[in-house]
C-alpha atoms as a PDB file:
ATOM      1  CA  UNK A   1      69.566  22.059  91.149  1.00  0.00           C
ATOM      2  CA  UNK A   2      72.864  21.131  89.607  1.00  0.00           C
ATOM      3  CA  UNK A   3      72.091  17.567  90.605  1.00  0.00           C
ATOM      4  CA  UNK A   4      68.808  17.558  88.696  1.00  0.00           C
ATOM      5  CA  UNK A   5      70.392  18.722  85.504  1.00  0.00           C
ATOM      6  CA  UNK A   6      72.889  15.874  85.643  1.00  0.00           C
ATOM      7  CA  UNK A   7      70.056  13.295  86.101  1.00  0.00           C
ATOM      8  CA  UNK A   8      68.338  14.598  83.034  1.00  0.00           C
ATOM      9  CA  UNK A   9      71.499  14.385  81.187  1.00  0.00           C
ATOM     10  CA  UNK A  10      72.147  10.768  82.248  1.00  0.00           C
ATOM     11  CA  UNK A  11      68.480   9.859  81.444  1.00  0.00           C
ATOM     12  CA  UNK A  12      68.866  11.027  77.886  1.00  0.00           C
ATOM     13  CA  UNK A  13      72.124   9.266  77.699  1.00  0.00           C
ATOM     14  CA  UNK A  14      70.598   6.081  78.900  1.00  0.00           C
ATOM     15  CA  UNK A  15      67.718   6.444  76.412  1.00  0.00           C
ATOM     16  CA  UNK A  16      70.096   7.193  73.492  1.00  0.00           C
ATOM     17  CA  UNK A  17      72.337   4.242  74.425  1.00  0.00           C
ATOM     18  CA  UNK A  18      69.344   1.972  74.673  1.00  0.00           C
ATOM     19  CA  UNK A  19      67.946   3.039  71.293  1.00  0.00           C
ATOM     20  CA  UNK A  20      71.390   2.468  69.772  1.00  0.00           C
ATOM     21  CA  UNK A  21      71.591  -0.960  71.151  1.00  0.00           C
ATOM     22  CA  UNK A  22      68.034  -1.943  70.014  1.00  0.00           C
ATOM     23  CA  UNK A  23      68.757  -0.603  66.471  1.00  0.00           C
ATOM     24  CA  UNK A  24      72.149  -2.288  66.342  1.00  0.00           C
ATOM     25  CA  UNK A  25      70.452  -5.493  67.394  1.00  0.00           C
ATOM     26  CA  UNK A  26      67.999  -5.333  64.774  1.00  0.00           C
ATOM     27  CA  UNK A  27      70.493  -4.554  62.017  1.00  0.00           C
ATOM     28  CA  UNK A  28      72.603  -7.592  63.167  1.00  0.00           C
ATOM     29  CA  UNK A  29      69.512  -9.833  63.119  1.00  0.00           C
ATOM     30  CA  UNK A  30      68.612  -8.573  59.514  1.00  0.00           C
ATOM     31  CA  UNK A  31      72.182  -9.129  58.255  1.00  0.00           C
ATOM     32  CA  UNK A  32      72.159 -12.672  59.771  1.00  0.00           C
ATOM     33  CA  UNK A  33      68.892 -13.384  57.883  1.00  0.00           C
ATOM     34  CA  UNK A  34      70.295 -12.131  54.715  1.00  0.00           C
ATOM     35  CA  UNK A  35      73.487 -14.292  55.079  1.00  0.00           C
ATOM     36  CA  UNK A  36      71.212 -17.289  55.935  1.00  0.00           C
ATOM     37  CA  UNK A  37      69.068 -17.041  52.927  1.00  0.00           C
ATOM     38  CA  UNK A  38      71.541 -15.915  50.371  1.00  0.00           C
ATOM     39  CA  UNK A  39      71.975 -19.407  48.920  1.00  0.00           C
ATOM     40  CA  UNK A  40      68.285 -19.712  48.441  1.00  0.00           C
ATOM     41  CA  UNK A  41      67.959 -16.397  46.780  1.00  0.00           C
ATOM     42  CA  UNK A  42      70.787 -17.309  44.476  1.00  0.00           C
ATOM     43  CA  UNK A  43      69.163 -20.528  43.574  1.00  0.00           C
ATOM     44  CA  UNK A  44      65.830 -18.680  42.783  1.00  0.00           C
ATOM     45  CA  UNK A  45      67.737 -16.130  40.570  1.00  0.00           C
ATOM     46  CA  UNK A  46      69.301 -18.949  38.657  1.00  0.00           C
ATOM     47  CA  UNK A  47      65.981 -20.657  38.226  1.00  0.00           C
ATOM     48  CA  UNK A  48      64.469 -17.496  37.011  1.00  0.00           C
ATOM     49  CA  UNK A  49      67.250 -16.899  34.552  1.00  0.00           C
ATOM     50  CA  UNK A  50      66.645 -20.466  33.217  1.00  0.00           C
ATOM     51  CA  UNK A  51      62.905 -19.939  32.905  1.00  0.00           C
ATOM     52  CA  UNK A  52      63.331 -16.547  31.166  1.00  0.00           C
ATOM     53  CA  UNK A  53      63.224 -17.916  27.608  1.00  0.00           C
ATOM     54  CA  UNK A  54      62.072 -15.629  24.677  1.00  0.00           C
ATOM     55  CA  UNK A  55      59.676 -17.023  22.221  1.00  0.00           C
ATOM     56  CA  UNK A  56      60.734 -15.788  18.794  1.00  0.00           C
ATOM     57  CA  UNK A  57      58.006 -15.132  16.239  1.00  0.00           C
ATOM     58  CA  UNK A  58      58.492 -17.359  13.139  1.00  0.00           C
ATOM     59  CA  UNK A  59      57.328 -14.758  10.762  1.00  0.00           C
END
């Protein structure tokens, strides 16, 4: 019976480790995407700032 309890412990350890690796992998991919598209986002922000012109009322 002691052997069965150890298998359950290892099973949940494997599940936890696998979940951690999957989540860490997703986080790394998302960070890579953010770094890859950062120059494009900066360019869009600059264009939006240039286009944000207020029209003053002449009255």
